[in-house]
C-alpha atoms as a PDB file:
ATOM      1  CA  MET A   1     -60.465   5.480  17.598  1.00  0.00           C
ATOM      2  CA  VAL A   2     -62.051   2.433  19.178  1.00  0.00           C
ATOM      3  CA  THR A   3     -62.606  -1.111  17.932  1.00  0.00           C
ATOM      4  CA  ASP A   4     -65.992  -2.820  17.611  1.00  0.00           C
ATOM      5  CA  GLN A   5     -65.448  -4.121  21.142  1.00  0.00           C
ATOM      6  CA  GLY A   6     -64.937  -0.604  22.474  1.00  0.00           C
ATOM      7  CA  ALA A   7     -61.171  -0.902  23.090  1.00  0.00           C
ATOM      8  CA  LYS A   8     -58.792   1.825  21.952  1.00  0.00           C
ATOM      9  CA  PHE A   9     -57.429   1.005  18.506  1.00  0.00           C
ATOM     10  CA  TRP A  10     -54.018   2.653  19.019  1.00  0.00           C
ATOM     11  CA  SER A  11     -52.906   0.674  22.046  1.00  0.00           C
ATOM     12  CA  GLY A  12     -50.472  -2.101  22.882  1.00  0.00           C
ATOM     13  CA  THR A  13     -47.993  -2.653  20.029  1.00  0.00           C
ATOM     14  CA  LYS A  14     -49.938  -0.497  17.546  1.00  0.00           C
ATOM     15  CA  ARG A  15     -48.278   2.855  17.056  1.00  0.00           C
ATOM     16  CA  CYS A  16     -50.295   5.850  15.990  1.00  0.00           C
ATOM     17  CA  PRO A  17     -48.687   7.477  12.932  1.00  0.00           C
ATOM     18  CA  HIS A  18     -47.681  11.114  12.991  1.00  0.00           C
ATOM     19  CA  PRO A  19     -46.827  13.522  10.173  1.00  0.00           C
ATOM     20  CA  ILE A  20     -43.233  14.432   9.335  1.00  0.00           C
ATOM     21  CA  VAL A  21     -42.384  18.058   8.612  1.00  0.00           C
ATOM     22  CA  PHE A  22     -40.154  18.340   5.556  1.00  0.00           C
ATOM     23  CA  ASP A  23     -36.620  19.510   6.343  1.00  0.00           C
ATOM     24  CA  VAL A  24     -34.146  19.678   3.443  1.00  0.00           C
ATOM     25  CA  ALA A  25     -31.256  19.499   5.926  1.00  0.00           C
ATOM     26  CA  LYS A  26     -32.233  15.949   6.907  1.00  0.00           C
ATOM     27  CA  SER A  27     -30.613  13.372   4.621  1.00  0.00           C
ATOM     28  CA  GLU A  28     -33.656  11.081   4.228  1.00  0.00           C
ATOM     29  CA  HIS A  29     -35.903  14.029   3.355  1.00  0.00           C
ATOM     30  CA  PHE A  30     -33.479  15.328   0.749  1.00  0.00           C
ATOM     31  CA  ASN A  31     -32.673  11.849  -0.675  1.00  0.00           C
ATOM     32  CA  PHE A  32     -36.364  11.195  -1.225  1.00  0.00           C
ATOM     33  CA  VAL A  33     -36.901  14.432  -3.161  1.00  0.00           C
ATOM     34  CA  TYR A  34     -33.636  14.067  -5.083  1.00  0.00           C
ATOM     35  CA  SER A  35     -34.095  10.435  -6.182  1.00  0.00           C
ATOM     36  CA  ALA A  36     -37.835  10.799  -6.812  1.00  0.00           C
ATOM     37  CA  SER A  37     -37.268  13.830  -9.058  1.00  0.00           C
ATOM     38  CA  ILE A  38     -34.698  11.927 -11.134  1.00  0.00           C
ATOM     39  CA  LEU A  39     -36.984   8.903 -11.579  1.00  0.00           C
ATOM     40  CA  ARG A  40     -39.976  11.108 -12.436  1.00  0.00           C
ATOM     41  CA  ALA A  41     -37.882  13.008 -15.002  1.00  0.00           C
ATOM     42  CA  GLN A  42     -36.873   9.681 -16.601  1.00  0.00           C
ATOM     43  CA  GLN A  43     -40.527   8.669 -16.884  1.00  0.00           C
ATOM     44  CA  TYR A  44     -41.381  11.857 -18.758  1.00  0.00           C
ATOM     45  CA  ASN A  45     -38.151  11.932 -20.830  1.00  0.00           C
ATOM     46  CA  ILE A  46     -37.086  15.180 -19.156  1.00  0.00           C
ATOM     47  CA  PRO A  47     -33.383  15.831 -18.422  1.00  0.00           C
ATOM     48  CA  PRO A  48     -33.071  15.434 -14.629  1.00  0.00           C
ATOM     49  CA  ILE A  49     -31.299  17.922 -12.366  1.00  0.00           C
ATOM     50  CA  LEU A  50     -28.304  16.037 -10.970  1.00  0.00           C
ATOM     51  CA  ASP A  51     -26.709  18.974  -9.144  1.00  0.00           C
ATOM     52  CA  VAL A  52     -27.250  18.192  -5.454  1.00  0.00           C
ATOM     53  CA  LYS A  53     -26.917  21.838  -4.363  1.00  0.00           C
ATOM     54  CA  GLN A  54     -29.400  23.050  -6.982  1.00  0.00           C
ATOM     55  CA  VAL A  55     -31.995  20.418  -5.998  1.00  0.00           C
ATOM     56  CA  GLY A  56     -31.510  21.317  -2.335  1.00  0.00           C
ATOM     57  CA  LYS A  57     -31.984  25.016  -3.101  1.00  0.00           C
ATOM     58  CA  ILE A  58     -35.188  24.357  -5.073  1.00  0.00           C
ATOM     59  CA  ALA A  59     -36.573  21.999  -2.415  1.00  0.00           C
ATOM     60  CA  ALA A  60     -35.860  24.470   0.373  1.00  0.00           C
ATOM     61  CA  SER A  61     -37.733  27.219  -1.494  1.00  0.00           C
ATOM     62  CA  VAL A  62     -40.965  25.209  -1.688  1.00  0.00           C
ATOM     63  CA  GLN A  63     -43.528  26.135   0.929  1.00  0.00           C
ATOM     64  CA  VAL A  64     -45.362  22.945   1.896  1.00  0.00           C
ATOM     65  CA  LYS A  65     -48.940  23.689   2.825  1.00  0.00           C
ATOM     66  CA  PRO A  66     -50.142  22.083   6.069  1.00  0.00           C
ATOM     67  CA  PHE A  67     -52.435  19.093   5.613  1.00  0.00           C
ATOM     68  CA  CYS A  68     -56.145  19.837   5.740  1.00  0.00           C
ATOM     69  CA  ALA A  69     -58.797  17.151   5.427  1.00  0.00           C
ATOM     70  CA  LYS A  70     -61.220  17.572   2.548  1.00  0.00           C
ATOM     71  CA  GLU A  71     -64.557  19.107   3.431  1.00  0.00           C
ATOM     72  CA  GLY A  72     -67.048  16.403   4.277  1.00  0.00           C
ATOM     73  CA  SER A  73     -64.382  13.719   4.807  1.00  0.00           C
ATOM     74  CA  GLN A  74     -64.661  11.465   7.817  1.00  0.00           C
ATOM     75  CA  ASN A  75     -62.246   9.207   9.689  1.00  0.00           C
ATOM     76  CA  CYS A  76     -63.271   5.671  10.524  1.00  0.00           C
ATOM     77  CA  GLY A  77     -63.511   5.003  14.220  1.00  0.00           C
ATOM     78  CA  ASN A  78     -63.823   1.211  13.904  1.00  0.00           C
ATOM     79  CA  GLY A  79     -64.241  -1.655  11.457  1.00  0.00           C
ATOM     80  CA  SER A  80     -67.980  -1.252  10.926  1.00  0.00           C
ATOM     81  CA  GLU A  81     -67.607   2.442  10.088  1.00  0.00           C
ATOM     82  CA  ALA A  82     -64.811   1.600   7.629  1.00  0.00           C
ATOM     83  CA  LYS A  83     -67.026  -1.001   5.928  1.00  0.00           C
ATOM     84  CA  GLU A  84     -69.915   1.479   5.671  1.00  0.00           C
ATOM     85  CA  MET A  85     -67.652   4.193   4.234  1.00  0.00           C
ATOM     86  CA  ASN A  86     -66.126   1.717   1.768  1.00  0.00           C
ATOM     87  CA  GLU A  87     -69.603   0.784   0.477  1.00  0.00           C
ATOM     88  CA  ARG A  88     -70.465   4.463  -0.014  1.00  0.00           C
ATOM     89  CA  GLY A  89     -67.074   5.002  -1.655  1.00  0.00           C
ATOM     90  CA  VAL A  90     -67.770   2.346  -4.288  1.00  0.00           C
ATOM     91  CA  GLU A  91     -70.692   4.374  -5.630  1.00  0.00           C
ATOM     92  CA  ASP A  92     -68.648   7.583  -5.616  1.00  0.00           C
ATOM     93  CA  GLY A  93     -65.789   5.710  -7.266  1.00  0.00           C
ATOM     94  CA  GLU A  94     -67.983   4.469 -10.097  1.00  0.00           C
ATOM     95  CA  GLU A  95     -69.053   8.031 -10.891  1.00  0.00           C
ATOM     96  CA  ALA A  96     -65.449   9.226 -10.779  1.00  0.00           C
ATOM     97  CA  GLU A  97     -64.367   6.348 -13.062  1.00  0.00           C
ATOM     98  CA  LEU A  98     -67.066   7.214 -15.612  1.00  0.00           C
ATOM     99  CA  SER A  99     -66.007  10.866 -15.548  1.00  0.00           C
ATOM    100  CA  LEU A 100     -62.372   9.881 -16.069  1.00  0.00           C
ATOM    101  CA  LYS A 101     -63.235   7.615 -19.020  1.00  0.00           C
ATOM    102  CA  ILE A 102     -65.097  10.479 -20.706  1.00  0.00           C
ATOM    103  CA  LYS A 103     -62.081  12.758 -20.298  1.00  0.00           C
ATOM    104  CA  LEU A 104     -59.683  10.082 -21.587  1.00  0.00           C
ATOM    105  CA  SER A 105     -61.822   9.425 -24.663  1.00  0.00           C
ATOM    106  CA  LYS A 106     -61.354  13.062 -25.695  1.00  0.00           C
ATOM    107  CA  LEU A 107     -57.563  12.823 -25.631  1.00  0.00           C
ATOM    108  CA  GLU A 108     -55.664  12.365 -28.875  1.00  0.00           C
ATOM    109  CA  ALA A 109     -53.471   9.310 -28.289  1.00  0.00           C
ATOM    110  CA  ALA A 110     -51.386   9.992 -31.385  1.00  0.00           C
ATOM    111  CA  VAL A 111     -50.000  13.258 -30.018  1.00  0.00           C
ATOM    112  CA  ALA A 112     -49.677  12.141 -26.399  1.00  0.00           C
ATOM    113  CA  GLU A 113     -46.084  11.368 -25.448  1.00  0.00           C
ATOM    114  CA  LYS A 114     -45.642   7.901 -23.991  1.00  0.00           C
ATOM    115  CA  LEU A 115     -44.225   7.575 -20.513  1.00  0.00           C
ATOM    116  CA  GLN A 116     -40.944   5.713 -20.113  1.00  0.00           C
ATOM    117  CA  ALA A 117     -41.173   2.550 -18.020  1.00  0.00           C
ATOM    118  CA  ILE A 118     -38.295   2.079 -15.554  1.00  0.00           C
ATOM    119  CA  ASP A 119     -37.142  -1.455 -14.737  1.00  0.00           C
ATOM    120  CA  PHE A 120     -36.028  -1.853 -11.127  1.00  0.00           C
ATOM    121  CA  GLU A 121     -32.338  -2.742 -10.758  1.00  0.00           C
ATOM    122  CA  LYS A 122     -31.038  -2.980  -7.219  1.00  0.00           C
ATOM    123  CA  ASP A 123     -27.359  -3.552  -8.071  1.00  0.00           C
ATOM    124  CA  ASP A 124     -26.753  -0.342 -10.035  1.00  0.00           C
ATOM    125  CA  ASP A 125     -25.738   2.369  -7.572  1.00  0.00           C
ATOM    126  CA  THR A 126     -25.964   5.092 -10.235  1.00  0.00           C
ATOM    127  CA  ASN A 127     -29.666   4.734 -11.120  1.00  0.00           C
ATOM    128  CA  HIS A 128     -30.992   6.039  -7.746  1.00  0.00           C
ATOM    129  CA  HIS A 129     -33.466   3.132  -7.425  1.00  0.00           C
ATOM    130  CA  MET A 130     -32.216   1.906  -4.043  1.00  0.00           C
ATOM    131  CA  GLU A 131     -31.768   5.510  -2.902  1.00  0.00           C
ATOM    132  CA  PHE A 132     -35.458   6.142  -3.569  1.00  0.00           C
ATOM    133  CA  ILE A 133     -36.675   2.914  -1.928  1.00  0.00           C
ATOM    134  CA  THR A 134     -34.476   3.404   1.153  1.00  0.00           C
ATOM    135  CA  SER A 135     -35.556   6.998   1.738  1.00  0.00           C
ATOM    136  CA  CYS A 136     -39.191   6.194   0.972  1.00  0.00           C
ATOM    137  CA  SER A 137     -39.351   3.254   3.391  1.00  0.00           C
ATOM    138  CA  ASN A 138     -37.444   5.095   6.112  1.00  0.00           C
ATOM    139  CA  LEU A 139     -39.803   8.069   5.915  1.00  0.00           C
ATOM    140  CA  ARG A 140     -42.713   5.663   6.231  1.00  0.00           C
ATOM    141  CA  ALA A 141     -40.983   4.054   9.207  1.00  0.00           C
ATOM    142  CA  GLY A 142     -40.553   7.527  10.712  1.00  0.00           C
ATOM    143  CA  ASN A 143     -44.330   8.033  10.594  1.00  0.00           C
ATOM    144  CA  TYR A 144     -44.676   5.081  12.973  1.00  0.00           C
ATOM    145  CA  ASP A 145     -41.460   5.559  15.012  1.00  0.00           C
ATOM    146  CA  ILE A 146     -40.016   2.360  13.544  1.00  0.00           C
ATOM    147  CA  GLN A 147     -36.241   1.928  13.408  1.00  0.00           C
ATOM    148  CA  PRO A 148     -34.938   2.936   9.926  1.00  0.00           C
ATOM    149  CA  SER A 149     -32.820   0.606   7.744  1.00  0.00           C
ATOM    150  CA  ASP A 150     -29.624   1.313   5.844  1.00  0.00           C
ATOM    151  CA  VAL A 151     -29.180   0.761   2.096  1.00  0.00           C
ATOM    152  CA  LEU A 152     -27.668  -2.731   2.512  1.00  0.00           C
ATOM    153  CA  LYS A 153     -30.570  -3.937   4.685  1.00  0.00           C
ATOM    154  CA  THR A 154     -33.091  -2.372   2.275  1.00  0.00           C
ATOM    155  CA  LYS A 155     -31.391  -3.979  -0.726  1.00  0.00           C
ATOM    156  CA  GLN A 156     -31.542  -7.332   1.056  1.00  0.00           C
ATOM    157  CA  ILE A 157     -35.287  -6.964   1.641  1.00  0.00           C
ATOM    158  CA  ALA A 158     -36.100  -5.499  -1.796  1.00  0.00           C
ATOM    159  CA  GLY A 159     -34.134  -8.160  -3.659  1.00  0.00           C
ATOM    160  CA  ARG A 160     -35.003 -11.004  -1.283  1.00  0.00           C
ATOM    161  CA  ILE A 161     -31.348 -11.935  -1.191  1.00  0.00           C
ATOM    162  CA  ILE A 162     -28.797 -13.120   1.337  1.00  0.00           C
ATOM    163  CA  PRO A 163     -25.891 -10.643   1.469  1.00  0.00           C
ATOM    164  CA  ALA A 164     -22.831 -11.885  -0.410  1.00  0.00           C
ATOM    165  CA  ILE A 165     -20.712 -11.616   2.731  1.00  0.00           C
ATOM    166  CA  ALA A 166     -22.643 -14.576   4.185  1.00  0.00           C
ATOM    167  CA  THR A 167     -22.365 -16.923   1.194  1.00  0.00           C
ATOM    168  CA  THR A 168     -19.765 -18.837  -0.796  1.00  0.00           C
ATOM    169  CA  THR A 169     -19.392 -15.729  -2.983  1.00  0.00           C
ATOM    170  CA  ALA A 170     -17.013 -14.181  -0.457  1.00  0.00           C
ATOM    171  CA  ALA A 171     -15.037 -17.415  -0.059  1.00  0.00           C
ATOM    172  CA  ILE A 172     -14.726 -17.894  -3.819  1.00  0.00           C
ATOM    173  CA  ALA A 173     -13.603 -14.290  -4.339  1.00  0.00           C
ATOM    174  CA  GLY A 174     -10.915 -14.772  -1.685  1.00  0.00           C
ATOM    175  CA  LEU A 175      -9.674 -18.054  -3.139  1.00  0.00           C
ATOM    176  CA  VAL A 176      -9.558 -16.606  -6.658  1.00  0.00           C
ATOM    177  CA  CYS A 177      -7.460 -13.701  -5.374  1.00  0.00           C
ATOM    178  CA  ILE A 178      -5.042 -16.144  -3.722  1.00  0.00           C
ATOM    179  CA  GLU A 179      -4.602 -18.020  -7.017  1.00  0.00           C
ATOM    180  CA  PHE A 180      -4.282 -14.726  -8.886  1.00  0.00           C
ATOM    181  CA  MET A 181      -1.414 -13.629  -6.630  1.00  0.00           C
ATOM    182  CA  LYS A 182       0.505 -16.739  -7.716  1.00  0.00           C
ATOM    183  CA  MET A 183       0.373 -15.407 -11.285  1.00  0.00           C
ATOM    184  CA  VAL A 184       1.805 -11.953 -10.524  1.00  0.00           C
ATOM    185  CA  ASP A 185       5.551 -11.389 -10.515  1.00  0.00           C
ATOM    186  CA  ALA A 186       7.540  -8.432  -9.265  1.00  0.00           C
ATOM    187  CA  ASP A 187       8.413  -7.202 -12.750  1.00  0.00           C
ATOM    188  CA  GLY A 188       4.834  -7.410 -13.997  1.00  0.00           C
ATOM    189  CA  LYS A 189       5.360 -10.575 -16.037  1.00  0.00           C
ATOM    190  CA  LEU A 190       3.671 -13.918 -15.492  1.00  0.00           C
ATOM    191  CA  SER A 191       5.529 -15.921 -12.888  1.00  0.00           C
ATOM    192  CA  ALA A 192       6.946 -19.370 -13.490  1.00  0.00           C
ATOM    193  CA  THR A 193       4.922 -20.868 -10.632  1.00  0.00           C
ATOM    194  CA  PRO A 194       4.846 -24.692 -10.874  1.00  0.00           C
ATOM    195  CA  MET A 195       1.465 -26.262 -11.662  1.00  0.00           C
ATOM    196  CA  ASP A 196       1.365 -28.109  -8.328  1.00  0.00           C
ATOM    197  CA  ARG A 197       1.373 -24.786  -6.454  1.00  0.00           C
ATOM    198  CA  PHE A 198      -2.049 -23.879  -7.872  1.00  0.00           C
ATOM    199  CA  LYS A 199      -5.241 -25.266  -6.345  1.00  0.00           C
ATOM    200  CA  ASN A 200      -8.800 -25.980  -7.421  1.00  0.00           C
ATOM    201  CA  GLY A 201     -11.265 -25.392  -4.590  1.00  0.00           C
ATOM    202  CA  PHE A 202     -14.548 -27.269  -4.024  1.00  0.00           C
ATOM    203  CA  ILE A 203     -16.763 -25.747  -1.337  1.00  0.00           C
ATOM    204  CA  ASN A 204     -20.212 -26.601   0.007  1.00  0.00           C
ATOM    205  CA  LEU A 205     -21.104 -24.560   3.081  1.00  0.00           C
ATOM    206  CA  ALA A 206     -24.267 -26.592   3.681  1.00  0.00           C
ATOM    207  CA  LEU A 207     -22.362 -29.801   4.556  1.00  0.00           C
ATOM    208  CA  PRO A 208     -19.807 -28.166   5.229  1.00  0.00           C
ATOM    209  CA  PHE A 209     -17.164 -29.460   2.807  1.00  0.00           C
ATOM    210  CA  PHE A 210     -13.896 -27.883   1.725  1.00  0.00           C
ATOM    211  CA  GLY A 211     -11.741 -29.765  -0.804  1.00  0.00           C
ATOM    212  CA  PHE A 212      -8.640 -28.680  -2.691  1.00  0.00           C
ATOM    213  CA  SER A 213      -6.883 -30.416  -5.552  1.00  0.00           C
ATOM    214  CA  GLU A 214      -4.180 -29.696  -8.103  1.00  0.00           C
ATOM    215  CA  PRO A 215      -5.568 -28.494 -11.447  1.00  0.00           C
ATOM    216  CA  ILE A 216      -4.798 -30.378 -14.628  1.00  0.00           C
ATOM    217  CA  ALA A 217      -3.075 -28.678 -17.525  1.00  0.00           C
ATOM    218  CA  ALA A 218      -5.175 -27.438 -20.458  1.00  0.00           C
ATOM    219  CA  PRO A 219      -5.603 -30.205 -23.094  1.00  0.00           C
ATOM    220  CA  LYS A 220      -3.154 -29.837 -25.977  1.00  0.00           C
ATOM    221  CA  LYS A 221      -4.229 -29.905 -29.596  1.00  0.00           C
ATOM    222  CA  LYS A 222      -2.152 -29.904 -32.751  1.00  0.00           C
ATOM    223  CA  TYR A 223      -2.196 -28.515 -36.265  1.00  0.00           C
ATOM    224  CA  GLY A 224       0.733 -29.464 -38.475  1.00  0.00           C
ATOM    225  CA  ASP A 225       3.688 -29.776 -36.122  1.00  0.00           C
ATOM    226  CA  LYS A 226       2.480 -27.027 -33.744  1.00  0.00           C
ATOM    227  CA  GLU A 227       0.829 -27.672 -30.367  1.00  0.00           C
ATOM    228  CA  TRP A 228      -1.708 -25.290 -28.803  1.00  0.00           C
ATOM    229  CA  THR A 229      -4.243 -24.992 -25.987  1.00  0.00           C
ATOM    230  CA  ILE A 230      -7.411 -22.943 -25.483  1.00  0.00           C
ATOM    231  CA  TRP A 231      -5.227 -20.189 -23.989  1.00  0.00           C
ATOM    232  CA  ASP A 232      -3.404 -19.665 -27.297  1.00  0.00           C
ATOM    233  CA  SER A 233      -4.400 -17.545 -30.283  1.00  0.00           C
ATOM    234  CA  LEU A 234      -3.183 -16.694 -33.758  1.00  0.00           C
ATOM    235  CA  THR A 235      -2.446 -12.977 -34.110  1.00  0.00           C
ATOM    236  CA  ILE A 236      -2.500 -10.886 -37.268  1.00  0.00           C
ATOM    237  CA  LYS A 237      -2.356  -7.131 -37.684  1.00  0.00           C
ATOM    238  CA  ALA A 238      -4.426  -4.729 -39.759  1.00  0.00           C
ATOM    239  CA  PRO A 239      -4.867  -3.776 -42.484  1.00  0.00           C
ATOM    240  CA  MET A 240      -5.809  -7.040 -44.191  1.00  0.00           C
ATOM    241  CA  THR A 241      -8.480  -7.981 -46.667  1.00  0.00           C
ATOM    242  CA  LEU A 242     -10.547 -11.092 -46.093  1.00  0.00           C
ATOM    243  CA  LYS A 243      -8.604 -12.860 -48.867  1.00  0.00           C
ATOM    244  CA  GLN A 244      -5.245 -11.915 -47.350  1.00  0.00           C
ATOM    245  CA  MET A 245      -6.375 -13.269 -43.989  1.00  0.00           C
ATOM    246  CA  ILE A 246      -7.556 -16.542 -45.557  1.00  0.00           C
ATOM    247  CA  ASP A 247      -4.257 -16.934 -47.432  1.00  0.00           C
ATOM    248  CA  TRP A 248      -2.329 -16.291 -44.216  1.00  0.00           C
ATOM    249  CA  VAL A 249      -4.314 -18.916 -42.298  1.00  0.00           C
ATOM    250  CA  GLN A 250      -3.970 -21.510 -45.062  1.00  0.00           C
ATOM    251  CA  ASN A 251      -0.208 -20.951 -45.124  1.00  0.00           C
ATOM    252  CA  GLU A 252      -0.040 -21.139 -41.302  1.00  0.00           C
ATOM    253  CA  ALA A 253      -2.068 -24.362 -41.301  1.00  0.00           C
ATOM    254  CA  SER A 254       0.288 -26.058 -43.795  1.00  0.00           C
ATOM    255  CA  GLY A 255      -1.876 -25.810 -46.879  1.00  0.00           C
ATOM    256  CA  SER A 256      -5.234 -26.630 -45.267  1.00  0.00           C
ATOM    257  CA  SER A 257      -8.179 -24.892 -46.909  1.00  0.00           C
ATOM    258  CA  VAL A 258     -10.409 -22.385 -45.074  1.00  0.00           C
ATOM    259  CA  THR A 259     -14.085 -23.380 -45.281  1.00  0.00           C
ATOM    260  CA  MET A 260     -15.757 -20.843 -42.956  1.00  0.00           C
ATOM    261  CA  VAL A 261     -14.925 -17.674 -41.030  1.00  0.00           C
ATOM    262  CA  SER A 262     -17.158 -16.155 -38.362  1.00  0.00           C
ATOM    263  CA  SER A 263     -17.069 -13.186 -36.008  1.00  0.00           C
ATOM    264  CA  GLY A 264     -19.323 -13.706 -33.009  1.00  0.00           C
ATOM    265  CA  VAL A 265     -22.679 -14.835 -34.422  1.00  0.00           C
ATOM    266  CA  SER A 266     -21.949 -13.411 -37.890  1.00  0.00           C
ATOM    267  CA  LEU A 267     -20.789 -15.772 -40.637  1.00  0.00           C
ATOM    268  CA  ILE A 268     -18.591 -13.576 -42.834  1.00  0.00           C
ATOM    269  CA  TYR A 269     -17.259 -16.262 -45.221  1.00  0.00           C
ATOM    270  CA  SER A 270     -18.223 -19.791 -46.240  1.00  0.00           C
ATOM    271  CA  PHE A 271     -17.476 -22.120 -49.145  1.00  0.00           C
ATOM    272  CA  PHE A 272     -21.199 -22.441 -49.965  1.00  0.00           C
ATOM    273  CA  MET A 273     -22.115 -18.732 -50.037  1.00  0.00           C
ATOM    274  CA  ASN A 274     -23.184 -16.866 -53.163  1.00  0.00           C
ATOM    275  CA  ALA A 275     -20.174 -16.452 -55.500  1.00  0.00           C
ATOM    276  CA  ALA A 276     -20.846 -12.750 -56.133  1.00  0.00           C
ATOM    277  CA  ASN A 277     -21.041 -11.961 -52.411  1.00  0.00           C
ATOM    278  CA  ARG A 278     -17.968 -14.084 -51.724  1.00  0.00           C
ATOM    279  CA  ASP A 279     -15.867 -12.302 -54.344  1.00  0.00           C
ATOM    280  CA  LYS A 280     -17.037  -8.915 -53.080  1.00  0.00           C
ATOM    281  CA  ARG A 281     -16.134  -9.680 -49.473  1.00  0.00           C
ATOM    282  CA  LEU A 282     -12.751 -11.200 -50.346  1.00  0.00           C
ATOM    283  CA  GLY A 283     -11.554  -7.802 -51.567  1.00  0.00           C
ATOM    284  CA  MET A 284     -12.859  -5.874 -48.510  1.00  0.00           C
ATOM    285  CA  GLU A 285     -10.929  -5.005 -45.367  1.00  0.00           C
ATOM    286  CA  LEU A 286     -11.845  -7.316 -42.486  1.00  0.00           C
ATOM    287  CA  ARG A 287     -13.419  -4.610 -40.326  1.00  0.00           C
ATOM    288  CA  ASP A 288     -15.648  -3.516 -43.189  1.00  0.00           C
ATOM    289  CA  VAL A 289     -16.777  -7.110 -43.812  1.00  0.00           C
ATOM    290  CA  VAL A 290     -17.690  -7.652 -40.150  1.00  0.00           C
ATOM    291  CA  ALA A 291     -19.523  -4.306 -39.941  1.00  0.00           C
ATOM    292  CA  GLU A 292     -21.490  -5.049 -43.132  1.00  0.00           C
ATOM    293  CA  VAL A 293     -22.528  -8.583 -42.152  1.00  0.00           C
ATOM    294  CA  SER A 294     -23.326  -7.808 -38.491  1.00  0.00           C
ATOM    295  CA  LYS A 295     -25.015  -4.518 -39.476  1.00  0.00           C
ATOM    296  CA  LYS A 296     -23.210  -2.870 -36.541  1.00  0.00           C
ATOM    297  CA  GLU A 297     -20.458  -0.296 -36.639  1.00  0.00           C
ATOM    298  CA  ILE A 298     -17.315  -1.298 -34.754  1.00  0.00           C
ATOM    299  CA  PRO A 299     -16.924   1.067 -31.753  1.00  0.00           C
ATOM    300  CA  SER A 300     -14.033   3.517 -31.887  1.00  0.00           C
ATOM    301  CA  TYR A 301     -12.635   2.179 -28.617  1.00  0.00           C
ATOM    302  CA  GLN A 302     -12.422  -1.429 -29.879  1.00  0.00           C
ATOM    303  CA  ARG A 303      -8.862  -2.477 -30.652  1.00  0.00           C
ATOM    304  CA  SER A 304      -9.270  -5.946 -32.160  1.00  0.00           C
ATOM    305  CA  LEU A 305     -11.611  -8.552 -33.627  1.00  0.00           C
ATOM    306  CA  VAL A 306     -11.858 -12.191 -32.620  1.00  0.00           C
ATOM    307  CA  LEU A 307     -12.454 -14.528 -35.548  1.00  0.00           C
ATOM    308  CA  GLU A 308     -13.256 -18.228 -35.580  1.00  0.00           C
ATOM    309  CA  VAL A 309     -11.770 -20.017 -38.597  1.00  0.00           C
ATOM    310  CA  MET A 310     -12.685 -23.525 -39.756  1.00  0.00           C
ATOM    311  CA  VAL A 311     -10.253 -25.363 -42.032  1.00  0.00           C
ATOM    312  CA  GLU A 312     -10.005 -28.778 -43.677  1.00  0.00           C
ATOM    313  CA  ASP A 313      -6.913 -30.794 -44.601  1.00  0.00           C
ATOM    314  CA  GLU A 314      -6.354 -32.433 -47.976  1.00  0.00           C
ATOM    315  CA  ASN A 315      -8.436 -35.448 -46.849  1.00  0.00           C
ATOM    316  CA  GLY A 316     -11.460 -33.290 -46.009  1.00  0.00           C
ATOM    317  CA  GLU A 317     -10.949 -33.723 -42.243  1.00  0.00           C
ATOM    318  CA  ASP A 318     -11.562 -30.769 -39.926  1.00  0.00           C
ATOM    319  CA  VAL A 319      -8.445 -29.229 -38.402  1.00  0.00           C
ATOM    320  CA  ASP A 320      -8.759 -27.449 -35.036  1.00  0.00           C
ATOM    321  CA  LEU A 321      -7.117 -24.022 -34.889  1.00  0.00           C
ATOM    322  CA  PRO A 322      -6.833 -21.431 -32.118  1.00  0.00           C
ATOM    323  CA  TYR A 323      -9.068 -18.406 -32.496  1.00  0.00           C
ATOM    324  CA  LEU A 324      -7.699 -15.623 -34.673  1.00  0.00           C
ATOM    325  CA  LYS A 325      -7.087 -12.184 -33.142  1.00  0.00           C
ATOM    326  CA  TYR A 326      -7.122  -9.353 -35.699  1.00  0.00           C
ATOM    327  CA  ILE A 327      -5.450  -6.313 -34.121  1.00  0.00           C
ATOM    328  CA  PHE A 328      -6.325  -2.935 -35.627  1.00  0.00           C
END
């Protein structure tokens, strides 16, 4: 190939691409076939073959036909030839597009199975997305004798991110672990480490600034004669009906009246709700009430519910309580 000026196109820093012969024994070749087959199966809602040996056996049995240019095809020698071929290709493309539209119009959309779209997620090592991109890009690089990249470098490019090892993420993780070690005792119980031994860290690598200070204790609140912080909770055990739980809370809160109870975003009890619904729920077990209101079954592996309870004292003032933990 030569340019319009007559110089060789593949010269200097431009590298002429060359074909790669498929070899299942080479990791990049196999990874491409393996990951691509899984992603294609997901698109068509077909169970993928995850057995590495089976995929390797199938891939090795395929006889790849050598590349042969289509009859009548022509390579472009320079820019002007490419422009001329592109103009001719537009006319051919219009005819092909019309033919395709006619074929598509004859398809019955109602019976055609929809393809499954796959959202790219670089941080999930089990979805084979980065495996596909890495092998795909490295095979392309091999066509041009370009140095291949590992998964970490590819993830950095694909996600346009700075690796965590070069940011405050690593420093924060280390500092958190240091503070965590102060909480672990030899017998597995929380240690009695004094507050002044713990540290809050403030870091800005751009300045750079590193500052450490002693943390303040969690603010204390009070209901009746009992003090509590955000780290505390009220614990009750199943089975309990909604009414039994409300009675327990009102007794615990020294006669204050419960006005509302919620679980997550679901309001399961309130003083203003329909009387018939309220009476029905009061006699139901707490798990059944939450499942009915949220319209979601509680998973078998879940061991407790977290409930937020609002109460008022005899003067109508709100009383702050810790969250309620209902253990199954």
